[in-house]
């Protein structure tokens, strides 16, 4: 079983930056595809960014050029660097892990989420 713990959320002004972290308690972390999702109040959960087990990345159009997903396999940790934050980025951000080359909602593990609030 995989356990995921997100951290790094908080309150930030528009245009500011935050770096989210997700620590995974698994021995074969490098074989997992990792992803960040977010869910704003009253809205459906949406995929933000993916990094596969071989390091390939993909982003939602709404965050492309502003957010960067990365991983440190030696630390069993995935990161989401968020720059030029906008009020519409306000949401609970969730970390997800799927064993293999892609995400699969039926087999994914999830963290508890961390709140990001962008407001002046």
N, C-alpha and C. Protein backbone atom coordinates (compact mmCIF):
# COMPACT_ATOMS: atom_id res chain seq x y z
N UNK A 1 0.83 -1.17 0.00
CA UNK A 1 0.00 0.00 0.00
C UNK A 1 0.89 1.25 0.00
N UNK A 2 0.45 2.27 -0.75
CA UNK A 2 1.19 3.52 -0.88
C UNK A 2 0.50 4.59 -0.04
N UNK A 3 1.30 5.33 0.73
CA UNK A 3 0.80 6.48 1.48
C UNK A 3 1.43 7.74 0.93
N UNK A 4 0.61 8.78 0.73
CA UNK A 4 1.05 10.04 0.17
C UNK A 4 0.69 11.17 1.11
N UNK A 5 1.63 12.09 1.35
CA UNK A 5 1.41 13.22 2.24
C UNK A 5 1.83 14.50 1.53
N UNK A 6 0.86 15.39 1.28
CA UNK A 6 1.13 16.67 0.64
C UNK A 6 1.47 17.72 1.69
N UNK A 7 2.26 18.71 1.28
CA UNK A 7 2.58 19.85 2.13
C UNK A 7 2.94 21.03 1.25
N UNK A 8 3.01 22.22 1.85
CA UNK A 8 3.45 23.41 1.16
C UNK A 8 2.37 24.39 0.77
N UNK A 9 1.11 24.05 1.00
CA UNK A 9 0.03 24.96 0.68
C UNK A 9 -0.01 26.14 1.63
N UNK A 10 -0.83 27.13 1.27
CA UNK A 10 -0.97 28.30 2.11
C UNK A 10 -1.63 29.44 1.37
N UNK A 11 -1.55 30.63 1.97
CA UNK A 11 -2.12 31.85 1.40
C UNK A 11 -1.03 32.64 0.71
N UNK A 12 -1.29 33.06 -0.53
CA UNK A 12 -0.32 33.82 -1.31
C UNK A 12 -1.05 34.87 -2.13
N UNK A 13 -0.39 36.00 -2.39
CA UNK A 13 -0.98 37.06 -3.20
C UNK A 13 -0.91 36.72 -4.68
N UNK A 14 -1.83 37.27 -5.49
CA UNK A 14 -1.72 37.08 -6.94
C UNK A 14 -0.34 37.48 -7.46
N UNK A 15 0.20 36.65 -8.36
CA UNK A 15 1.54 36.86 -8.87
C UNK A 15 2.63 36.19 -8.06
N UNK A 16 2.28 35.67 -6.90
CA UNK A 16 3.25 35.01 -6.05
C UNK A 16 3.50 33.57 -6.44
N UNK A 17 4.31 32.89 -5.62
CA UNK A 17 4.72 31.52 -5.90
C UNK A 17 4.57 30.64 -4.67
N UNK A 18 4.34 29.35 -4.91
CA UNK A 18 4.33 28.32 -3.89
C UNK A 18 4.95 27.06 -4.47
N UNK A 19 5.55 26.26 -3.60
CA UNK A 19 6.08 24.96 -4.00
C UNK A 19 5.44 23.88 -3.15
N UNK A 20 4.65 23.01 -3.78
CA UNK A 20 4.01 21.90 -3.09
C UNK A 20 4.91 20.67 -3.14
N UNK A 21 4.85 19.88 -2.08
CA UNK A 21 5.60 18.63 -2.01
C UNK A 21 4.65 17.49 -1.69
N UNK A 22 4.98 16.31 -2.19
CA UNK A 22 4.23 15.09 -1.91
C UNK A 22 5.23 13.98 -1.62
N UNK A 23 5.24 13.51 -0.39
CA UNK A 23 6.15 12.45 0.03
C UNK A 23 5.43 11.12 -0.01
N UNK A 24 6.04 10.13 -0.66
CA UNK A 24 5.44 8.81 -0.84
C UNK A 24 6.17 7.76 0.00
N UNK A 25 5.42 6.94 0.70
CA UNK A 25 5.99 5.86 1.51
C UNK A 25 5.93 4.55 0.73
N UNK A 26 6.82 4.44 -0.25
CA UNK A 26 6.87 3.25 -1.09
C UNK A 26 8.32 3.03 -1.51
N UNK A 27 8.73 1.76 -1.62
CA UNK A 27 10.12 1.45 -1.90
C UNK A 27 10.49 1.57 -3.38
N UNK A 28 9.50 1.38 -4.28
CA UNK A 28 9.76 1.42 -5.71
C UNK A 28 9.14 2.67 -6.34
N UNK A 29 9.37 3.82 -5.74
CA UNK A 29 8.78 5.08 -6.17
C UNK A 29 9.06 5.39 -7.63
N UNK A 30 10.24 5.04 -8.12
CA UNK A 30 10.62 5.37 -9.49
C UNK A 30 9.76 4.68 -10.54
N UNK A 31 9.00 3.66 -10.17
CA UNK A 31 8.14 2.94 -11.11
C UNK A 31 6.73 3.51 -11.17
N UNK A 32 6.44 4.57 -10.41
CA UNK A 32 5.11 5.16 -10.36
C UNK A 32 5.03 6.41 -11.21
N UNK A 33 3.90 6.56 -11.90
CA UNK A 33 3.53 7.83 -12.50
C UNK A 33 2.84 8.68 -11.44
N UNK A 34 3.30 9.92 -11.29
CA UNK A 34 2.78 10.82 -10.28
C UNK A 34 2.00 11.95 -10.94
N UNK A 35 1.00 12.46 -10.24
CA UNK A 35 0.18 13.52 -10.79
C UNK A 35 -0.30 14.44 -9.69
N UNK A 36 -0.57 15.69 -10.06
CA UNK A 36 -1.22 16.66 -9.20
C UNK A 36 -2.59 16.98 -9.77
N UNK A 37 -3.60 16.95 -8.91
CA UNK A 37 -4.95 17.36 -9.23
C UNK A 37 -5.33 18.52 -8.32
N UNK A 38 -6.40 19.23 -8.67
CA UNK A 38 -6.93 20.26 -7.79
C UNK A 38 -8.44 20.30 -7.88
N UNK A 39 -9.07 20.75 -6.80
CA UNK A 39 -10.51 20.87 -6.74
C UNK A 39 -10.88 22.17 -6.02
N UNK A 40 -11.53 23.06 -6.75
CA UNK A 40 -12.01 24.31 -6.19
C UNK A 40 -13.42 24.11 -5.64
N UNK A 41 -13.86 24.97 -4.71
CA UNK A 41 -15.20 24.83 -4.15
C UNK A 41 -16.28 24.83 -5.23
N UNK A 42 -17.16 23.83 -5.19
CA UNK A 42 -18.26 23.74 -6.13
C UNK A 42 -17.89 23.25 -7.51
N UNK A 43 -16.63 22.85 -7.73
CA UNK A 43 -16.18 22.40 -9.04
C UNK A 43 -15.65 20.97 -8.98
N UNK A 44 -15.57 20.34 -10.15
CA UNK A 44 -15.03 18.98 -10.24
C UNK A 44 -13.52 18.99 -10.11
N UNK A 45 -12.98 17.88 -9.64
CA UNK A 45 -11.54 17.73 -9.56
C UNK A 45 -10.95 17.69 -10.96
N UNK A 46 -9.86 18.44 -11.18
CA UNK A 46 -9.24 18.49 -12.49
C UNK A 46 -7.76 18.13 -12.40
N UNK A 47 -7.27 17.52 -13.47
CA UNK A 47 -5.87 17.16 -13.58
C UNK A 47 -5.04 18.41 -13.88
N UNK A 48 -3.98 18.61 -13.12
CA UNK A 48 -3.11 19.77 -13.27
C UNK A 48 -1.83 19.42 -14.01
N UNK A 49 -1.14 18.37 -13.57
CA UNK A 49 0.15 18.01 -14.15
C UNK A 49 0.45 16.54 -13.90
N UNK A 50 1.23 15.94 -14.80
CA UNK A 50 1.63 14.54 -14.72
C UNK A 50 3.13 14.44 -14.94
N UNK A 51 3.77 13.55 -14.21
CA UNK A 51 5.13 13.14 -14.53
C UNK A 51 5.19 11.62 -14.47
N UNK A 52 5.60 10.99 -15.58
CA UNK A 52 5.58 9.54 -15.68
C UNK A 52 6.78 8.93 -15.00
N UNK A 53 6.80 7.58 -14.98
CA UNK A 53 7.90 6.88 -14.34
C UNK A 53 9.22 7.03 -15.11
N UNK A 54 9.16 7.49 -16.38
CA UNK A 54 10.38 7.75 -17.13
C UNK A 54 10.62 9.25 -17.32
N UNK A 55 9.92 10.10 -16.55
CA UNK A 55 10.22 11.51 -16.51
C UNK A 55 9.49 12.40 -17.50
N UNK A 56 8.57 11.86 -18.28
CA UNK A 56 7.80 12.67 -19.21
C UNK A 56 6.74 13.47 -18.47
N UNK A 57 6.49 14.70 -18.89
CA UNK A 57 5.55 15.58 -18.21
C UNK A 57 4.46 16.07 -19.15
N UNK A 58 3.32 16.43 -18.56
CA UNK A 58 2.23 17.04 -19.29
C UNK A 58 1.47 17.94 -18.33
N UNK A 59 0.84 19.01 -18.88
CA UNK A 59 0.19 20.01 -18.05
C UNK A 59 -1.17 20.39 -18.63
N UNK A 60 -2.07 20.79 -17.74
CA UNK A 60 -3.31 21.41 -18.19
C UNK A 60 -3.00 22.74 -18.85
N UNK A 61 -3.78 23.10 -19.87
CA UNK A 61 -3.54 24.36 -20.58
C UNK A 61 -3.59 25.56 -19.64
N UNK A 62 -4.41 25.50 -18.61
CA UNK A 62 -4.59 26.62 -17.71
C UNK A 62 -3.36 26.93 -16.87
N UNK A 63 -2.44 25.97 -16.72
CA UNK A 63 -1.25 26.17 -15.90
C UNK A 63 0.05 26.09 -16.69
N UNK A 64 -0.03 25.75 -17.96
CA UNK A 64 1.16 25.59 -18.80
C UNK A 64 1.96 26.89 -18.84
N UNK A 65 3.25 26.79 -18.61
CA UNK A 65 4.11 27.95 -18.57
C UNK A 65 4.24 28.59 -17.21
N UNK A 66 3.37 28.24 -16.27
CA UNK A 66 3.41 28.79 -14.92
C UNK A 66 3.78 27.75 -13.87
N UNK A 67 3.35 26.50 -14.07
CA UNK A 67 3.59 25.42 -13.11
C UNK A 67 4.63 24.45 -13.68
N UNK A 68 5.40 23.84 -12.79
CA UNK A 68 6.38 22.83 -13.17
C UNK A 68 6.30 21.66 -12.21
N UNK A 69 6.08 20.45 -12.75
CA UNK A 69 6.10 19.24 -11.94
C UNK A 69 7.48 18.59 -12.05
N UNK A 70 7.99 18.07 -10.95
CA UNK A 70 9.28 17.41 -10.95
C UNK A 70 9.27 16.32 -9.88
N UNK A 71 10.27 15.45 -9.92
CA UNK A 71 10.36 14.38 -8.93
C UNK A 71 11.80 14.15 -8.53
N UNK A 72 11.98 13.72 -7.29
CA UNK A 72 13.28 13.34 -6.76
C UNK A 72 13.13 11.91 -6.27
N UNK A 73 13.56 10.96 -7.09
CA UNK A 73 13.36 9.56 -6.75
C UNK A 73 14.16 9.13 -5.52
N UNK A 74 15.28 9.79 -5.27
CA UNK A 74 16.07 9.48 -4.09
C UNK A 74 15.35 9.86 -2.80
N UNK A 75 14.43 10.83 -2.88
CA UNK A 75 13.67 11.28 -1.73
C UNK A 75 12.23 10.80 -1.74
N UNK A 76 11.84 10.01 -2.74
CA UNK A 76 10.45 9.54 -2.88
C UNK A 76 9.47 10.70 -2.83
N UNK A 77 9.79 11.78 -3.54
CA UNK A 77 9.01 13.01 -3.46
C UNK A 77 8.74 13.58 -4.84
N UNK A 78 7.51 14.08 -5.04
CA UNK A 78 7.15 14.81 -6.24
C UNK A 78 6.80 16.24 -5.83
N UNK A 79 7.13 17.20 -6.70
CA UNK A 79 6.94 18.61 -6.40
C UNK A 79 6.06 19.27 -7.46
N UNK A 80 5.41 20.35 -7.06
CA UNK A 80 4.71 21.22 -8.00
C UNK A 80 5.11 22.65 -7.69
N UNK A 81 5.96 23.22 -8.54
CA UNK A 81 6.35 24.62 -8.42
C UNK A 81 5.31 25.46 -9.14
N UNK A 82 4.68 26.38 -8.41
CA UNK A 82 3.60 27.20 -8.94
C UNK A 82 4.04 28.66 -8.91
N UNK A 83 4.16 29.26 -10.09
CA UNK A 83 4.55 30.65 -10.23
C UNK A 83 3.42 31.46 -10.86
N UNK A 84 3.50 32.77 -10.74
CA UNK A 84 2.51 33.68 -11.33
C UNK A 84 1.09 33.25 -10.97
N UNK A 85 0.87 33.00 -9.71
CA UNK A 85 -0.41 32.46 -9.26
C UNK A 85 -1.55 33.45 -9.45
N UNK A 86 -2.71 32.91 -9.79
CA UNK A 86 -3.92 33.67 -10.04
C UNK A 86 -5.00 33.26 -9.04
N UNK A 87 -5.98 34.13 -8.78
CA UNK A 87 -7.07 33.74 -7.87
C UNK A 87 -7.77 32.45 -8.30
N UNK A 88 -7.88 32.21 -9.60
CA UNK A 88 -8.53 30.99 -10.07
C UNK A 88 -7.73 29.72 -9.81
N UNK A 89 -6.49 29.85 -9.33
CA UNK A 89 -5.71 28.70 -8.91
C UNK A 89 -6.09 28.23 -7.51
N UNK A 90 -6.92 28.98 -6.81
CA UNK A 90 -7.34 28.61 -5.47
C UNK A 90 -8.08 27.28 -5.49
N UNK A 91 -7.61 26.32 -4.70
CA UNK A 91 -8.18 24.98 -4.69
C UNK A 91 -7.46 24.14 -3.64
N UNK A 92 -8.02 22.97 -3.37
CA UNK A 92 -7.29 21.95 -2.65
C UNK A 92 -6.52 21.13 -3.68
N UNK A 93 -5.22 20.99 -3.47
CA UNK A 93 -4.35 20.27 -4.40
C UNK A 93 -4.04 18.89 -3.85
N UNK A 94 -4.23 17.87 -4.70
CA UNK A 94 -4.06 16.47 -4.32
C UNK A 94 -2.94 15.82 -5.13
N UNK A 95 -2.18 14.99 -4.47
CA UNK A 95 -1.16 14.17 -5.10
C UNK A 95 -1.72 12.79 -5.40
N UNK A 96 -1.35 12.21 -6.55
CA UNK A 96 -1.81 10.89 -6.95
C UNK A 96 -0.65 10.06 -7.46
N UNK A 97 -0.71 8.75 -7.22
CA UNK A 97 0.33 7.82 -7.66
C UNK A 97 -0.30 6.60 -8.31
N UNK A 98 0.22 6.21 -9.49
CA UNK A 98 -0.21 5.02 -10.20
C UNK A 98 1.01 4.24 -10.65
N UNK A 99 1.06 2.95 -10.34
CA UNK A 99 2.20 2.14 -10.74
C UNK A 99 2.17 1.94 -12.26
N UNK A 100 3.25 2.28 -12.92
CA UNK A 100 3.34 2.09 -14.35
C UNK A 100 3.54 3.39 -15.10
N UNK A 101 3.35 3.33 -16.44
CA UNK A 101 3.70 4.47 -17.31
C UNK A 101 2.63 5.55 -17.44
N UNK A 102 1.48 5.41 -16.78
CA UNK A 102 0.43 6.40 -16.88
C UNK A 102 -0.48 6.39 -15.67
N UNK A 103 -1.41 7.36 -15.63
CA UNK A 103 -2.35 7.43 -14.52
C UNK A 103 -3.55 6.52 -14.79
N UNK A 104 -4.11 5.99 -13.73
CA UNK A 104 -5.28 5.12 -13.81
C UNK A 104 -6.08 5.34 -12.54
N UNK A 105 -7.24 5.97 -12.68
CA UNK A 105 -8.05 6.30 -11.53
C UNK A 105 -8.53 5.10 -10.74
N UNK A 106 -8.65 3.94 -11.39
CA UNK A 106 -9.12 2.74 -10.70
C UNK A 106 -8.04 2.12 -9.83
N UNK A 107 -6.78 2.48 -10.05
CA UNK A 107 -5.68 1.90 -9.30
C UNK A 107 -4.86 2.94 -8.54
N UNK A 108 -5.23 4.20 -8.61
CA UNK A 108 -4.42 5.27 -8.06
C UNK A 108 -4.54 5.37 -6.54
N UNK A 109 -3.45 5.81 -5.93
CA UNK A 109 -3.44 6.20 -4.53
C UNK A 109 -3.52 7.72 -4.44
N UNK A 110 -4.08 8.22 -3.34
CA UNK A 110 -4.31 9.65 -3.17
C UNK A 110 -3.82 10.15 -1.83
N UNK A 111 -3.33 11.38 -1.81
CA UNK A 111 -3.00 12.05 -0.57
C UNK A 111 -4.21 12.75 0.02
N UNK A 112 -4.01 13.41 1.15
CA UNK A 112 -5.11 14.06 1.86
C UNK A 112 -5.44 15.44 1.32
N UNK A 113 -4.55 16.03 0.54
CA UNK A 113 -4.76 17.34 -0.03
C UNK A 113 -4.14 18.45 0.79
N UNK A 114 -3.79 19.55 0.11
CA UNK A 114 -3.28 20.74 0.78
C UNK A 114 -3.93 21.96 0.15
N UNK A 115 -4.36 22.91 0.98
CA UNK A 115 -5.11 24.08 0.52
C UNK A 115 -4.18 25.15 -0.02
N UNK A 116 -4.49 25.64 -1.21
CA UNK A 116 -3.81 26.79 -1.80
C UNK A 116 -4.84 27.90 -2.00
N UNK A 117 -4.59 29.07 -1.42
CA UNK A 117 -5.48 30.21 -1.55
C UNK A 117 -4.70 31.38 -2.12
N UNK A 118 -5.17 31.91 -3.26
CA UNK A 118 -4.53 33.04 -3.92
C UNK A 118 -5.48 34.23 -3.80
N UNK A 119 -5.10 35.21 -3.01
CA UNK A 119 -5.97 36.35 -2.73
C UNK A 119 -5.15 37.54 -2.27
N UNK A 120 -5.61 38.73 -2.64
CA UNK A 120 -4.97 39.95 -2.18
C UNK A 120 -5.59 40.47 -0.90
